[in-house]
Amino acid sequence: MDAKPDRDRDELRAILANLGREIRHPLDSLRGGIGNLLDDPDRPITDAERAQARTMLALCDDLDHMTRGCLG
């Protein structure tokens, strides 16, 4: 019996897991930057900007959830 399909599947899983980690690092940076924007008392933002920042945070969370579910 040929073990190549199993090896190929394992390699693909490893690639996807690495890809997932590569995507999550920039997402974490974005979350941190947006969080700083929302929490900085020295640089107040408008209600519209605050709503947009919260939307961006939600999108980061959605992409992170999807990445963890699909890419490992």
Protein backbone atom coordinates (compact mmCIF):
# COMPACT_ATOMS: atom_id res chain seq x y z
CA MET A 1 0.00 0.00 0.00
CA ASP A 2 1.27 3.46 -0.97
CA ALA A 3 1.77 5.91 1.91
CA LYS A 4 2.11 8.91 -0.44
CA PRO A 5 -1.55 10.11 -0.12
CA ASP A 6 -1.23 10.12 3.67
CA ARG A 7 2.09 11.97 3.49
CA ASP A 8 0.63 14.49 1.03
CA ARG A 9 -2.37 15.05 3.29
CA ASP A 10 -0.11 15.56 6.31
CA GLU A 11 2.03 18.04 4.38
CA LEU A 12 -1.07 19.95 3.27
CA ARG A 13 -2.33 20.11 6.85
CA ALA A 14 1.06 21.46 7.97
CA ILE A 15 1.03 24.10 5.22
CA LEU A 16 -2.50 25.19 6.12
CA ALA A 17 -1.66 25.35 9.82
CA ASN A 18 1.35 27.57 9.03
CA LEU A 19 -0.79 29.74 6.79
CA GLY A 20 -3.31 30.13 9.58
CA ARG A 21 -0.58 31.31 11.94
CA GLU A 22 0.76 33.72 9.31
CA ILE A 23 -2.69 35.29 8.94
CA ARG A 24 -3.34 35.50 12.69
CA HIS A 25 -0.18 37.51 13.47
CA PRO A 26 -1.22 40.55 11.39
CA LEU A 27 -4.76 40.22 12.74
CA ASP A 28 -3.42 40.43 16.27
CA SER A 29 -1.47 43.56 15.32
CA LEU A 30 -4.56 45.12 13.78
CA ARG A 31 -6.60 44.32 16.87
CA GLY A 32 -3.96 45.92 19.08
CA GLY A 33 -3.77 49.06 16.97
CA ILE A 34 -7.54 49.42 16.79
CA GLY A 35 -7.79 48.80 20.54
CA ASN A 36 -5.23 51.55 21.15
CA LEU A 37 -7.22 53.88 18.93
CA LEU A 38 -10.40 53.16 20.87
CA ASP A 39 -8.78 53.45 24.30
CA ASP A 40 -6.47 56.46 23.87
CA PRO A 41 -7.88 59.33 25.97
CA ASP A 42 -5.33 61.75 24.48
CA ARG A 43 -6.67 61.21 20.94
CA PRO A 44 -10.45 61.16 21.09
CA ILE A 45 -12.30 59.90 18.03
CA THR A 46 -15.78 60.67 16.79
CA ASP A 47 -18.72 58.34 17.29
CA ALA A 48 -18.61 57.46 13.58
CA GLU A 49 -14.90 56.59 13.82
CA ARG A 50 -15.58 54.55 16.96
CA ALA A 51 -18.31 52.60 15.14
CA GLN A 52 -15.98 51.96 12.20
CA ALA A 53 -13.21 50.80 14.54
CA ARG A 54 -15.61 48.40 16.27
CA THR A 55 -16.66 47.07 12.85
CA MET A 56 -13.00 46.49 11.99
CA LEU A 57 -12.52 44.62 15.27
CA ALA A 58 -15.53 42.44 14.51
CA LEU A 59 -14.18 41.71 11.03
CA CYS A 60 -10.80 40.76 12.51
CA ASP A 61 -12.56 38.43 14.92
CA ASP A 62 -14.61 36.87 12.11
CA LEU A 63 -11.53 36.32 9.96
CA ASP A 64 -9.64 34.87 12.91
CA HIS A 65 -12.51 32.49 13.68
CA MET A 66 -12.72 31.42 10.07
CA THR A 67 -8.95 30.96 9.87
CA ARG A 68 -8.87 28.80 12.98
CA GLY A 69 -11.77 26.71 11.70
CA CYS A 70 -10.48 26.19 8.17
CA LEU A 71 -6.72 26.41 8.45
CA GLY A 72 -6.07 24.91 11.87
